[in-house]
């Protein structure tokens, strides 16, 4: 179990703003922002956001619940220690078929991984 990084939630606005200025990848129903914290903390931090543009509170909450579950399943496999990830819901997130949403998240995380390994 020591292979999987510890995952922690991002809750403070400055951390979200810092991630928004970093590199991002859009895939299907999700945008993932990835920021290298460049510190000695090996934890992977993750945050979730959904704007009013995608719908009312019920729709936004459903979108964030789905993104949280996708992150719980895929970040231990594809997340990099020392990085912050912010999952941004898009209009299709609440209604996207589960398998396609997982595929969107997985392909975005793989795209964000370094290619010089």
PDB file of N, CA and C in Angstrom:
ATOM      1  N   UNK A   1       0.811  -1.208   0.000  1.00  0.00           N
ATOM      2  CA  UNK A   1       0.000   0.000   0.000  1.00  0.00           C
ATOM      3  C   UNK A   1       0.850   1.267   0.000  1.00  0.00           C
ATOM      4  N   UNK A   2       2.131   1.167   0.283  1.00  0.00           N
ATOM      5  CA  UNK A   2       2.969   2.363   0.333  1.00  0.00           C
ATOM      6  C   UNK A   2       3.195   2.948  -1.064  1.00  0.00           C
ATOM      7  N   UNK A   3       2.835   2.184  -2.116  1.00  0.00           N
ATOM      8  CA  UNK A   3       2.968   2.696  -3.474  1.00  0.00           C
ATOM      9  C   UNK A   3       1.954   3.786  -3.784  1.00  0.00           C
ATOM     10  N   UNK A   4       0.760   3.660  -3.219  1.00  0.00           N
ATOM     11  CA  UNK A   4      -0.283   4.634  -3.519  1.00  0.00           C
ATOM     12  C   UNK A   4      -0.072   5.896  -2.701  1.00  0.00           C
ATOM     13  N   UNK A   5      -0.137   7.048  -3.348  1.00  0.00           N
ATOM     14  CA  UNK A   5       0.071   8.307  -2.627  1.00  0.00           C
ATOM     15  C   UNK A   5      -1.123   8.634  -1.731  1.00  0.00           C
ATOM     16  N   UNK A   6      -0.874   9.366  -0.661  1.00  0.00           N
ATOM     17  CA  UNK A   6      -1.936   9.834   0.212  1.00  0.00           C
ATOM     18  C   UNK A   6      -2.688  10.946  -0.508  1.00  0.00           C
ATOM     19  N   UNK A   7      -4.012  10.872  -0.463  1.00  0.00           N
ATOM     20  CA  UNK A   7      -4.830  11.865  -1.159  1.00  0.00           C
ATOM     21  C   UNK A   7      -5.525  12.746  -0.133  1.00  0.00           C
ATOM     22  N   UNK A   8      -5.463  14.043  -0.377  1.00  0.00           N
ATOM     23  CA  UNK A   8      -6.000  15.046   0.541  1.00  0.00           C
ATOM     24  C   UNK A   8      -6.852  16.031  -0.259  1.00  0.00           C
ATOM     25  N   UNK A   9      -7.866  16.603   0.369  1.00  0.00           N
ATOM     26  CA  UNK A   9      -8.753  17.541  -0.319  1.00  0.00           C
ATOM     27  C   UNK A   9      -8.192  18.962  -0.308  1.00  0.00           C
ATOM     28  N   UNK A  10      -8.425  19.687  -1.392  1.00  0.00           N
ATOM     29  CA  UNK A  10      -8.135  21.117  -1.468  1.00  0.00           C
ATOM     30  C   UNK A  10      -9.415  21.835  -1.067  1.00  0.00           C
ATOM     31  N   UNK A  11      -9.313  22.758  -0.120  1.00  0.00           N
ATOM     32  CA  UNK A  11     -10.507  23.458   0.352  1.00  0.00           C
ATOM     33  C   UNK A  11     -10.373  24.973   0.329  1.00  0.00           C
ATOM     34  N   UNK A  12      -9.175  25.481   0.191  1.00  0.00           N
ATOM     35  CA  UNK A  12      -8.968  26.926   0.257  1.00  0.00           C
ATOM     36  C   UNK A  12      -8.882  27.549  -1.135  1.00  0.00           C
ATOM     37  N   UNK A  13      -9.511  28.700  -1.279  1.00  0.00           N
ATOM     38  CA  UNK A  13      -9.589  29.382  -2.573  1.00  0.00           C
ATOM     39  C   UNK A  13      -8.226  29.671  -3.202  1.00  0.00           C
ATOM     40  N   UNK A  14      -7.213  30.119  -2.444  1.00  0.00           N
ATOM     41  CA  UNK A  14      -5.906  30.365  -3.085  1.00  0.00           C
ATOM     42  C   UNK A  14      -5.323  29.119  -3.755  1.00  0.00           C
ATOM     43  N   UNK A  15      -5.592  27.951  -3.194  1.00  0.00           N
ATOM     44  CA  UNK A  15      -5.097  26.721  -3.813  1.00  0.00           C
ATOM     45  C   UNK A  15      -5.814  26.445  -5.141  1.00  0.00           C
ATOM     46  N   UNK A  16      -7.123  26.723  -5.185  1.00  0.00           N
ATOM     47  CA  UNK A  16      -7.872  26.573  -6.433  1.00  0.00           C
ATOM     48  C   UNK A  16      -7.374  27.566  -7.479  1.00  0.00           C
ATOM     49  N   UNK A  17      -7.117  28.799  -7.057  1.00  0.00           N
ATOM     50  CA  UNK A  17      -6.635  29.818  -7.989  1.00  0.00           C
ATOM     51  C   UNK A  17      -5.252  29.469  -8.531  1.00  0.00           C
ATOM     52  N   UNK A  18      -4.390  28.924  -7.680  1.00  0.00           N
ATOM     53  CA  UNK A  18      -3.059  28.519  -8.132  1.00  0.00           C
ATOM     54  C   UNK A  18      -3.164  27.396  -9.167  1.00  0.00           C
ATOM     55  N   UNK A  19      -4.069  26.457  -8.938  1.00  0.00           N
ATOM     56  CA  UNK A  19      -4.245  25.354  -9.883  1.00  0.00           C
ATOM     57  C   UNK A  19      -4.828  25.852 -11.201  1.00  0.00           C
ATOM     58  N   UNK A  20      -5.667  26.891 -11.137  1.00  0.00           N
ATOM     59  CA  UNK A  20      -6.277  27.384 -12.377  1.00  0.00           C
ATOM     60  C   UNK A  20      -5.248  28.043 -13.293  1.00  0.00           C
ATOM     61  N   UNK A  21      -4.144  28.490 -12.726  1.00  0.00           N
ATOM     62  CA  UNK A  21      -3.090  29.101 -13.531  1.00  0.00           C
ATOM     63  C   UNK A  21      -2.120  28.058 -14.089  1.00  0.00           C
ATOM     64  N   UNK A  22      -2.278  26.810 -13.677  1.00  0.00           N
ATOM     65  CA  UNK A  22      -1.376  25.746 -14.113  1.00  0.00           C
ATOM     66  C   UNK A  22      -1.904  25.088 -15.388  1.00  0.00           C
ATOM     67  N   UNK A  23      -1.248  24.021 -15.794  1.00  0.00           N
ATOM     68  CA  UNK A  23      -1.624  23.306 -17.012  1.00  0.00           C
ATOM     69  C   UNK A  23      -2.956  22.584 -16.806  1.00  0.00           C
ATOM     70  N   UNK A  24      -3.772  22.535 -17.872  1.00  0.00           N
ATOM     71  CA  UNK A  24      -5.046  21.835 -17.773  1.00  0.00           C
ATOM     72  C   UNK A  24      -5.307  21.058 -19.054  1.00  0.00           C
ATOM     73  N   UNK A  25      -6.147  20.033 -18.919  1.00  0.00           N
ATOM     74  CA  UNK A  25      -6.531  19.197 -20.051  1.00  0.00           C
ATOM     75  C   UNK A  25      -8.037  19.006 -19.995  1.00  0.00           C
ATOM     76  N   UNK A  26      -8.703  19.216 -21.126  1.00  0.00           N
ATOM     77  CA  UNK A  26     -10.146  18.994 -21.228  1.00  0.00           C
ATOM     78  C   UNK A  26     -10.380  17.705 -22.008  1.00  0.00           C
ATOM     79  N   UNK A  27     -11.187  16.834 -21.433  1.00  0.00           N
ATOM     80  CA  UNK A  27     -11.565  15.581 -22.087  1.00  0.00           C
ATOM     81  C   UNK A  27     -13.049  15.350 -21.852  1.00  0.00           C
ATOM     82  N   UNK A  28     -13.822  15.373 -22.906  1.00  0.00           N
ATOM     83  CA  UNK A  28     -15.244  15.065 -22.802  1.00  0.00           C
ATOM     84  C   UNK A  28     -15.968  15.926 -21.788  1.00  0.00           C
ATOM     85  N   UNK A  29     -16.349  15.339 -20.675  1.00  0.00           N
ATOM     86  CA  UNK A  29     -17.188  16.017 -19.684  1.00  0.00           C
ATOM     87  C   UNK A  29     -16.399  16.553 -18.502  1.00  0.00           C
ATOM     88  N   UNK A  30     -15.075  16.630 -18.610  1.00  0.00           N
ATOM     89  CA  UNK A  30     -14.291  17.085 -17.466  1.00  0.00           C
ATOM     90  C   UNK A  30     -13.064  17.872 -17.929  1.00  0.00           C
ATOM     91  N   UNK A  31     -12.682  18.839 -17.101  1.00  0.00           N
ATOM     92  CA  UNK A  31     -11.413  19.541 -17.267  1.00  0.00           C
ATOM     93  C   UNK A  31     -10.614  19.244 -16.002  1.00  0.00           C
ATOM     94  N   UNK A  32      -9.366  18.864 -16.159  1.00  0.00           N
ATOM     95  CA  UNK A  32      -8.515  18.616 -14.989  1.00  0.00           C
ATOM     96  C   UNK A  32      -7.337  19.574 -15.048  1.00  0.00           C
ATOM     97  N   UNK A  33      -7.162  20.327 -13.966  1.00  0.00           N
ATOM     98  CA  UNK A  33      -6.037  21.245 -13.826  1.00  0.00           C
ATOM     99  C   UNK A  33      -5.005  20.557 -12.937  1.00  0.00           C
ATOM    100  N   UNK A  34      -3.746  20.636 -13.339  1.00  0.00           N
ATOM    101  CA  UNK A  34      -2.668  19.947 -12.628  1.00  0.00           C
ATOM    102  C   UNK A  34      -1.573  20.948 -12.283  1.00  0.00           C
ATOM    103  N   UNK A  35      -1.296  21.083 -10.989  1.00  0.00           N
ATOM    104  CA  UNK A  35      -0.253  22.008 -10.552  1.00  0.00           C
ATOM    105  C   UNK A  35       0.795  21.246  -9.754  1.00  0.00           C
ATOM    106  N   UNK A  36       2.047  21.387 -10.157  1.00  0.00           N
ATOM    107  CA  UNK A  36       3.157  20.820  -9.391  1.00  0.00           C
ATOM    108  C   UNK A  36       3.457  21.793  -8.259  1.00  0.00           C
ATOM    109  N   UNK A  37       3.266  21.339  -7.017  1.00  0.00           N
ATOM    110  CA  UNK A  37       3.464  22.235  -5.882  1.00  0.00           C
ATOM    111  C   UNK A  37       4.933  22.549  -5.638  1.00  0.00           C
ATOM    112  N   UNK A  38       5.834  21.733  -6.123  1.00  0.00           N
ATOM    113  CA  UNK A  38       7.281  21.938  -5.964  1.00  0.00           C
ATOM    114  C   UNK A  38       7.672  22.068  -4.500  1.00  0.00           C
ATOM    115  N   UNK A  39       7.057  21.278  -3.654  1.00  0.00           N
ATOM    116  CA  UNK A  39       7.446  21.224  -2.244  1.00  0.00           C
ATOM    117  C   UNK A  39       7.827  19.782  -1.896  1.00  0.00           C
ATOM    118  N   UNK A  40       8.166  19.545  -0.656  1.00  0.00           N
ATOM    119  CA  UNK A  40       8.605  18.213  -0.247  1.00  0.00           C
ATOM    120  C   UNK A  40       7.458  17.325   0.217  1.00  0.00           C
ATOM    121  N   UNK A  41       6.240  17.826   0.162  1.00  0.00           N
ATOM    122  CA  UNK A  41       5.084  17.061   0.602  1.00  0.00           C
ATOM    123  C   UNK A  41       4.662  16.085  -0.502  1.00  0.00           C
ATOM    124  N   UNK A  42       4.723  14.768  -0.241  1.00  0.00           N
ATOM    125  CA  UNK A  42       4.410  13.797  -1.297  1.00  0.00           C
ATOM    126  C   UNK A  42       2.918  13.561  -1.503  1.00  0.00           C
ATOM    127  N   UNK A  43       2.067  14.255  -0.752  1.00  0.00           N
ATOM    128  CA  UNK A  43       0.635  14.020  -0.874  1.00  0.00           C
ATOM    129  C   UNK A  43       0.098  14.529  -2.209  1.00  0.00           C
ATOM    130  N   UNK A  44      -0.928  13.844  -2.689  1.00  0.00           N
ATOM    131  CA  UNK A  44      -1.681  14.299  -3.851  1.00  0.00           C
ATOM    132  C   UNK A  44      -2.895  15.032  -3.291  1.00  0.00           C
ATOM    133  N   UNK A  45      -3.098  16.270  -3.734  1.00  0.00           N
ATOM    134  CA  UNK A  45      -4.267  17.014  -3.273  1.00  0.00           C
ATOM    135  C   UNK A  45      -5.246  17.155  -4.429  1.00  0.00           C
ATOM    136  N   UNK A  46      -6.534  17.109  -4.113  1.00  0.00           N
ATOM    137  CA  UNK A  46      -7.562  17.159  -5.146  1.00  0.00           C
ATOM    138  C   UNK A  46      -8.707  18.057  -4.706  1.00  0.00           C
ATOM    139  N   UNK A  47      -9.223  18.818  -5.668  1.00  0.00           N
ATOM    140  CA  UNK A  47     -10.371  19.683  -5.421  1.00  0.00           C
ATOM    141  C   UNK A  47     -11.374  19.525  -6.561  1.00  0.00           C
ATOM    142  N   UNK A  48     -12.608  19.941  -6.301  1.00  0.00           N
ATOM    143  CA  UNK A  48     -13.683  19.783  -7.274  1.00  0.00           C
ATOM    144  C   UNK A  48     -14.455  21.079  -7.372  1.00  0.00           C
ATOM    145  N   UNK A  49     -14.858  21.433  -8.592  1.00  0.00           N
ATOM    146  CA  UNK A  49     -15.631  22.648  -8.772  1.00  0.00           C
ATOM    147  C   UNK A  49     -16.632  22.466  -9.906  1.00  0.00           C
ATOM    148  N   UNK A  50     -17.762  23.126  -9.735  1.00  0.00           N
ATOM    149  CA  UNK A  50     -18.803  23.138 -10.762  1.00  0.00           C
ATOM    150  C   UNK A  50     -19.468  24.507 -10.701  1.00  0.00           C
ATOM    151  N   UNK A  51     -19.503  25.200 -11.819  1.00  0.00           N
ATOM    152  CA  UNK A  51     -20.074  26.547 -11.834  1.00  0.00           C
ATOM    153  C   UNK A  51     -21.578  26.492 -12.073  1.00  0.00           C
ATOM    154  N   UNK A  52     -22.232  27.620 -11.845  1.00  0.00           N
ATOM    155  CA  UNK A  52     -23.677  27.693 -12.067  1.00  0.00           C
ATOM    156  C   UNK A  52     -24.048  27.530 -13.524  1.00  0.00           C
ATOM    157  N   UNK A  53     -23.071  27.654 -14.392  1.00  0.00           N
ATOM    158  CA  UNK A  53     -23.325  27.496 -15.823  1.00  0.00           C
ATOM    159  C   UNK A  53     -23.838  26.097 -16.157  1.00  0.00           C
ATOM    160  N   UNK A  54     -23.459  25.087 -15.380  1.00  0.00           N
ATOM    161  CA  UNK A  54     -23.894  23.725 -15.705  1.00  0.00           C
ATOM    162  C   UNK A  54     -25.253  23.394 -15.115  1.00  0.00           C
ATOM    163  N   UNK A  55     -25.767  24.207 -14.208  1.00  0.00           N
ATOM    164  CA  UNK A  55     -27.102  23.950 -13.673  1.00  0.00           C
ATOM    165  C   UNK A  55     -27.250  24.449 -12.254  1.00  0.00           C
ATOM    166  N   UNK A  56     -28.399  24.137 -11.674  1.00  0.00           N
ATOM    167  CA  UNK A  56     -28.689  24.533 -10.297  1.00  0.00           C
ATOM    168  C   UNK A  56     -27.902  23.710  -9.293  1.00  0.00           C
ATOM    169  N   UNK A  57     -28.190  23.914  -8.030  1.00  0.00           N
ATOM    170  CA  UNK A  57     -27.434  23.267  -6.961  1.00  0.00           C
ATOM    171  C   UNK A  57     -27.494  21.742  -7.040  1.00  0.00           C
ATOM    172  N   UNK A  58     -28.656  21.209  -7.349  1.00  0.00           N
ATOM    173  CA  UNK A  58     -28.805  19.758  -7.421  1.00  0.00           C
ATOM    174  C   UNK A  58     -27.924  19.182  -8.521  1.00  0.00           C
ATOM    175  N   UNK A  59     -27.913  19.817  -9.672  1.00  0.00           N
ATOM    176  CA  UNK A  59     -27.110  19.354 -10.805  1.00  0.00           C
ATOM    177  C   UNK A  59     -25.623  19.501 -10.495  1.00  0.00           C
ATOM    178  N   UNK A  60     -25.229  20.628  -9.909  1.00  0.00           N
ATOM    179  CA  UNK A  60     -23.808  20.828  -9.557  1.00  0.00           C
ATOM    180  C   UNK A  60     -23.353  19.800  -8.527  1.00  0.00           C
ATOM    181  N   UNK A  61     -24.186  19.529  -7.531  1.00  0.00           N
ATOM    182  CA  UNK A  61     -23.814  18.543  -6.512  1.00  0.00           C
ATOM    183  C   UNK A  61     -23.679  17.148  -7.115  1.00  0.00           C
ATOM    184  N   UNK A  62     -24.566  16.794  -8.028  1.00  0.00           N
ATOM    185  CA  UNK A  62     -24.463  15.489  -8.684  1.00  0.00           C
ATOM    186  C   UNK A  62     -23.163  15.402  -9.487  1.00  0.00           C
ATOM    187  N   UNK A  63     -22.844  16.462 -10.203  1.00  0.00           N
ATOM    188  CA  UNK A  63     -21.612  16.472 -10.993  1.00  0.00           C
ATOM    189  C   UNK A  63     -20.391  16.307 -10.094  1.00  0.00           C
ATOM    190  N   UNK A  64     -20.369  17.028  -8.974  1.00  0.00           N
ATOM    191  CA  UNK A  64     -19.212  16.927  -8.066  1.00  0.00           C
ATOM    192  C   UNK A  64     -19.137  15.548  -7.407  1.00  0.00           C
ATOM    193  N   UNK A  65     -20.278  14.966  -7.063  1.00  0.00           N
ATOM    194  CA  UNK A  65     -20.268  13.601  -6.491  1.00  0.00           C
ATOM    195  C   UNK A  65     -19.666  12.611  -7.471  1.00  0.00           C
ATOM    196  N   UNK A  66     -20.052  12.727  -8.735  1.00  0.00           N
ATOM    197  CA  UNK A  66     -19.534  11.814  -9.758  1.00  0.00           C
ATOM    198  C   UNK A  66     -18.029  12.018  -9.952  1.00  0.00           C
ATOM    199  N   UNK A  67     -17.584  13.273  -9.948  1.00  0.00           N
ATOM    200  CA  UNK A  67     -16.152  13.538 -10.100  1.00  0.00           C
ATOM    201  C   UNK A  67     -15.364  13.049  -8.891  1.00  0.00           C
ATOM    202  N   UNK A  68     -15.929  13.192  -7.700  1.00  0.00           N
ATOM    203  CA  UNK A  68     -15.242  12.694  -6.491  1.00  0.00           C
ATOM    204  C   UNK A  68     -15.038  11.191  -6.561  1.00  0.00           C
ATOM    205  N   UNK A  69     -16.063  10.472  -7.006  1.00  0.00           N
ATOM    206  CA  UNK A  69     -15.939   9.021  -7.107  1.00  0.00           C
ATOM    207  C   UNK A  69     -14.937   8.623  -8.184  1.00  0.00           C
ATOM    208  N   UNK A  70     -14.947   9.314  -9.307  1.00  0.00           N
ATOM    209  CA  UNK A  70     -13.975   9.027 -10.369  1.00  0.00           C
ATOM    210  C   UNK A  70     -12.556   9.290  -9.868  1.00  0.00           C
ATOM    211  N   UNK A  71     -12.370  10.378  -9.126  1.00  0.00           N
ATOM    212  CA  UNK A  71     -11.048  10.691  -8.577  1.00  0.00           C
ATOM    213  C   UNK A  71     -10.627   9.644  -7.556  1.00  0.00           C
ATOM    214  N   UNK A  72     -11.566   9.198  -6.741  1.00  0.00           N
ATOM    215  CA  UNK A  72     -11.249   8.182  -5.730  1.00  0.00           C
ATOM    216  C   UNK A  72     -10.754   6.894  -6.388  1.00  0.00           C
ATOM    217  N   UNK A  73     -11.331   6.554  -7.539  1.00  0.00           N
ATOM    218  CA  UNK A  73     -10.930   5.331  -8.233  1.00  0.00           C
ATOM    219  C   UNK A  73      -9.637   5.485  -9.026  1.00  0.00           C
ATOM    220  N   UNK A  74      -9.423   6.654  -9.639  1.00  0.00           N
ATOM    221  CA  UNK A  74      -8.328   6.783 -10.603  1.00  0.00           C
ATOM    222  C   UNK A  74      -7.094   7.532 -10.108  1.00  0.00           C
ATOM    223  N   UNK A  75      -7.240   8.439  -9.156  1.00  0.00           N
ATOM    224  CA  UNK A  75      -6.053   9.185  -8.695  1.00  0.00           C
ATOM    225  C   UNK A  75      -4.997   8.300  -8.036  1.00  0.00           C
ATOM    226  N   UNK A  76      -5.371   7.276  -7.262  1.00  0.00           N
ATOM    227  CA  UNK A  76      -4.310   6.414  -6.719  1.00  0.00           C
ATOM    228  C   UNK A  76      -3.482   5.733  -7.807  1.00  0.00           C
ATOM    229  N   UNK A  77      -4.070   5.528  -8.980  1.00  0.00           N
ATOM    230  CA  UNK A  77      -3.360   4.863 -10.072  1.00  0.00           C
ATOM    231  C   UNK A  77      -2.575   5.833 -10.950  1.00  0.00           C
ATOM    232  N   UNK A  78      -3.139   7.031 -11.184  1.00  0.00           N
ATOM    233  CA  UNK A  78      -2.554   7.945 -12.169  1.00  0.00           C
ATOM    234  C   UNK A  78      -2.100   9.288 -11.594  1.00  0.00           C
ATOM    235  N   UNK A  79      -2.389   9.562 -10.319  1.00  0.00           N
ATOM    236  CA  UNK A  79      -1.971  10.829  -9.721  1.00  0.00           C
ATOM    237  C   UNK A  79      -0.493  10.818  -9.379  1.00  0.00           C
ATOM    238  N   UNK A  80       0.139  11.977  -9.470  1.00  0.00           N
ATOM    239  CA  UNK A  80       1.563  12.086  -9.162  1.00  0.00           C
ATOM    240  C   UNK A  80       1.755  12.751  -7.810  1.00  0.00           C
ATOM    241  N   UNK A  81       2.610  12.200  -6.958  1.00  0.00           N
ATOM    242  CA  UNK A  81       2.873  12.810  -5.644  1.00  0.00           C
ATOM    243  C   UNK A  81       3.392  14.237  -5.799  1.00  0.00           C
ATOM    244  N   UNK A  82       2.970  15.111  -4.899  1.00  0.00           N
ATOM    245  CA  UNK A  82       3.416  16.492  -4.931  1.00  0.00           C
ATOM    246  C   UNK A  82       2.632  17.366  -5.889  1.00  0.00           C
ATOM    247  N   UNK A  83       1.514  16.871  -6.380  1.00  0.00           N
ATOM    248  CA  UNK A  83       0.709  17.633  -7.346  1.00  0.00           C
ATOM    249  C   UNK A  83      -0.674  17.919  -6.779  1.00  0.00           C
ATOM    250  N   UNK A  84      -1.248  19.027  -7.234  1.00  0.00           N
ATOM    251  CA  UNK A  84      -2.634  19.381  -6.946  1.00  0.00           C
ATOM    252  C   UNK A  84      -3.440  19.166  -8.219  1.00  0.00           C
ATOM    253  N   UNK A  85      -4.583  18.513  -8.091  1.00  0.00           N
ATOM    254  CA  UNK A  85      -5.490  18.316  -9.213  1.00  0.00           C
ATOM    255  C   UNK A  85      -6.820  18.966  -8.881  1.00  0.00           C
ATOM    256  N   UNK A  86      -7.355  19.739  -9.811  1.00  0.00           N
ATOM    257  CA  UNK A  86      -8.688  20.310  -9.655  1.00  0.00           C
ATOM    258  C   UNK A  86      -9.536  19.788 -10.803  1.00  0.00           C
ATOM    259  N   UNK A  87     -10.624  19.120 -10.449  1.00  0.00           N
ATOM    260  CA  UNK A  87     -11.564  18.576 -11.418  1.00  0.00           C
ATOM    261  C   UNK A  87     -12.668  19.606 -11.613  1.00  0.00           C
ATOM    262  N   UNK A  88     -12.843  20.052 -12.844  1.00  0.00           N
ATOM    263  CA  UNK A  88     -13.858  21.053 -13.163  1.00  0.00           C
ATOM    264  C   UNK A  88     -14.956  20.373 -13.970  1.00  0.00           C
ATOM    265  N   UNK A  89     -16.178  20.421 -13.457  1.00  0.00           N
ATOM    266  CA  UNK A  89     -17.306  19.807 -14.152  1.00  0.00           C
ATOM    267  C   UNK A  89     -17.679  20.631 -15.375  1.00  0.00           C
ATOM    268  N   UNK A  90     -18.053  19.955 -16.431  1.00  0.00           N
ATOM    269  CA  UNK A  90     -18.561  20.612 -17.632  1.00  0.00           C
ATOM    270  C   UNK A  90     -20.040  20.273 -17.773  1.00  0.00           C
ATOM    271  N   UNK A  91     -20.682  20.842 -18.775  1.00  0.00           N
ATOM    272  CA  UNK A  91     -22.131  20.684 -18.933  1.00  0.00           C
ATOM    273  C   UNK A  91     -22.565  19.217 -19.019  1.00  0.00           C
ATOM    274  N   UNK A  92     -21.744  18.359 -19.597  1.00  0.00           N
ATOM    275  CA  UNK A  92     -22.131  16.954 -19.759  1.00  0.00           C
ATOM    276  C   UNK A  92     -21.838  16.066 -18.569  1.00  0.00           C
ATOM    277  N   UNK A  93     -21.166  16.572 -17.562  1.00  0.00           N
ATOM    278  CA  UNK A  93     -20.735  15.742 -16.431  1.00  0.00           C
ATOM    279  C   UNK A  93     -21.885  15.031 -15.714  1.00  0.00           C
ATOM    280  N   UNK A  94     -22.982  15.696 -15.371  1.00  0.00           N
ATOM    281  CA  UNK A  94     -24.031  15.003 -14.609  1.00  0.00           C
ATOM    282  C   UNK A  94     -24.713  13.866 -15.369  1.00  0.00           C
ATOM    283  N   UNK A  95     -24.821  13.977 -16.674  1.00  0.00           N
ATOM    284  CA  UNK A  95     -25.574  12.986 -17.442  1.00  0.00           C
ATOM    285  C   UNK A  95     -24.688  12.012 -18.225  1.00  0.00           C
ATOM    286  N   UNK A  96     -23.397  12.209 -18.213  1.00  0.00           N
ATOM    287  CA  UNK A  96     -22.480  11.354 -18.986  1.00  0.00           C
ATOM    288  C   UNK A  96     -22.566   9.912 -18.475  1.00  0.00           C
ATOM    289  N   UNK A  97     -22.600   8.931 -19.365  1.00  0.00           N
ATOM    290  CA  UNK A  97     -22.552   7.535 -18.901  1.00  0.00           C
ATOM    291  C   UNK A  97     -21.288   7.309 -18.065  1.00  0.00           C
ATOM    292  N   UNK A  98     -21.434   6.535 -16.986  1.00  0.00           N
ATOM    293  CA  UNK A  98     -20.358   6.370 -16.013  1.00  0.00           C
ATOM    294  C   UNK A  98     -19.061   5.880 -16.655  1.00  0.00           C
ATOM    295  N   UNK A  99     -19.142   4.893 -17.522  1.00  0.00           N
ATOM    296  CA  UNK A  99     -17.934   4.346 -18.154  1.00  0.00           C
ATOM    297  C   UNK A  99     -17.225   5.413 -18.991  1.00  0.00           C
ATOM    298  N   UNK A 100     -17.987   6.251 -19.687  1.00  0.00           N
ATOM    299  CA  UNK A 100     -17.379   7.309 -20.497  1.00  0.00           C
ATOM    300  C   UNK A 100     -16.767   8.394 -19.622  1.00  0.00           C
ATOM    301  N   UNK A 101     -17.417   8.710 -18.498  1.00  0.00           N
ATOM    302  CA  UNK A 101     -16.850   9.697 -17.578  1.00  0.00           C
ATOM    303  C   UNK A 101     -15.522   9.194 -17.008  1.00  0.00           C
ATOM    304  N   UNK A 102     -15.489   7.921 -16.612  1.00  0.00           N
ATOM    305  CA  UNK A 102     -14.233   7.339 -16.123  1.00  0.00           C
ATOM    306  C   UNK A 102     -13.155   7.384 -17.204  1.00  0.00           C
ATOM    307  N   UNK A 103     -13.539   7.113 -18.435  1.00  0.00           N
ATOM    308  CA  UNK A 103     -12.581   7.154 -19.537  1.00  0.00           C
ATOM    309  C   UNK A 103     -12.063   8.572 -19.757  1.00  0.00           C
ATOM    310  N   UNK A 104     -12.958   9.564 -19.645  1.00  0.00           N
ATOM    311  CA  UNK A 104     -12.544  10.967 -19.788  1.00  0.00           C
ATOM    312  C   UNK A 104     -11.508  11.330 -18.723  1.00  0.00           C
ATOM    313  N   UNK A 105     -11.794  10.964 -17.475  1.00  0.00           N
ATOM    314  CA  UNK A 105     -10.893  11.298 -16.366  1.00  0.00           C
ATOM    315  C   UNK A 105      -9.558  10.579 -16.535  1.00  0.00           C
ATOM    316  N   UNK A 106      -9.626   9.301 -16.879  1.00  0.00           N
ATOM    317  CA  UNK A 106      -8.387   8.526 -17.038  1.00  0.00           C
ATOM    318  C   UNK A 106      -7.525   9.080 -18.167  1.00  0.00           C
ATOM    319  N   UNK A 107      -8.127   9.400 -19.299  1.00  0.00           N
ATOM    320  CA  UNK A 107      -7.325   9.903 -20.422  1.00  0.00           C
ATOM    321  C   UNK A 107      -6.746  11.286 -20.101  1.00  0.00           C
ATOM    322  N   UNK A 108      -7.481  12.106 -19.355  1.00  0.00           N
ATOM    323  CA  UNK A 108      -6.943  13.410 -18.978  1.00  0.00           C
ATOM    324  C   UNK A 108      -5.758  13.251 -18.011  1.00  0.00           C
ATOM    325  N   UNK A 109      -5.891  12.346 -17.050  1.00  0.00           N
ATOM    326  CA  UNK A 109      -4.788  12.132 -16.105  1.00  0.00           C
ATOM    327  C   UNK A 109      -3.561  11.574 -16.804  1.00  0.00           C
ATOM    328  N   UNK A 110      -3.756  10.682 -17.746  1.00  0.00           N
ATOM    329  CA  UNK A 110      -2.630  10.113 -18.505  1.00  0.00           C
ATOM    330  C   UNK A 110      -1.981  11.215 -19.345  1.00  0.00           C
ATOM    331  N   UNK A 111      -2.786  12.089 -19.927  1.00  0.00           N
ATOM    332  CA  UNK A 111      -2.255  13.182 -20.747  1.00  0.00           C
ATOM    333  C   UNK A 111      -1.423  14.158 -19.905  1.00  0.00           C
ATOM    334  N   UNK A 112      -1.817  14.322 -18.632  1.00  0.00           N
ATOM    335  CA  UNK A 112      -1.095  15.244 -17.756  1.00  0.00           C
ATOM    336  C   UNK A 112       0.216  14.656 -17.229  1.00  0.00           C
ATOM    337  N   UNK A 113       0.371  13.339 -17.320  1.00  0.00           N
ATOM    338  CA  UNK A 113       1.579  12.686 -16.826  1.00  0.00           C
ATOM    339  C   UNK A 113       2.752  13.056 -17.722  1.00  0.00           C
ATOM    340  N   UNK A 114       3.955  13.111 -17.151  1.00  0.00           N
ATOM    341  CA  UNK A 114       5.124  13.464 -17.964  1.00  0.00           C
ATOM    342  C   UNK A 114       5.424  12.365 -18.977  1.00  0.00           C
ATOM    343  N   UNK A 115       5.879  12.767 -20.137  1.00  0.00           N
ATOM    344  CA  UNK A 115       6.183  11.805 -21.198  1.00  0.00           C
ATOM    345  C   UNK A 115       7.668  11.484 -21.302  1.00  0.00           C
ATOM    346  N   UNK A 116       8.471  12.129 -20.475  1.00  0.00           N
ATOM    347  CA  UNK A 116       9.927  11.919 -20.564  1.00  0.00           C
ATOM    348  C   UNK A 116      10.432  10.834 -19.625  1.00  0.00           C
ATOM    349  N   UNK A 117       9.554   9.952 -19.177  1.00  0.00           N
ATOM    350  CA  UNK A 117       9.984   8.874 -18.258  1.00  0.00           C
ATOM    351  C   UNK A 117      10.621   7.739 -18.975  1.00  0.00           C
TER     352      UNK A 117
END
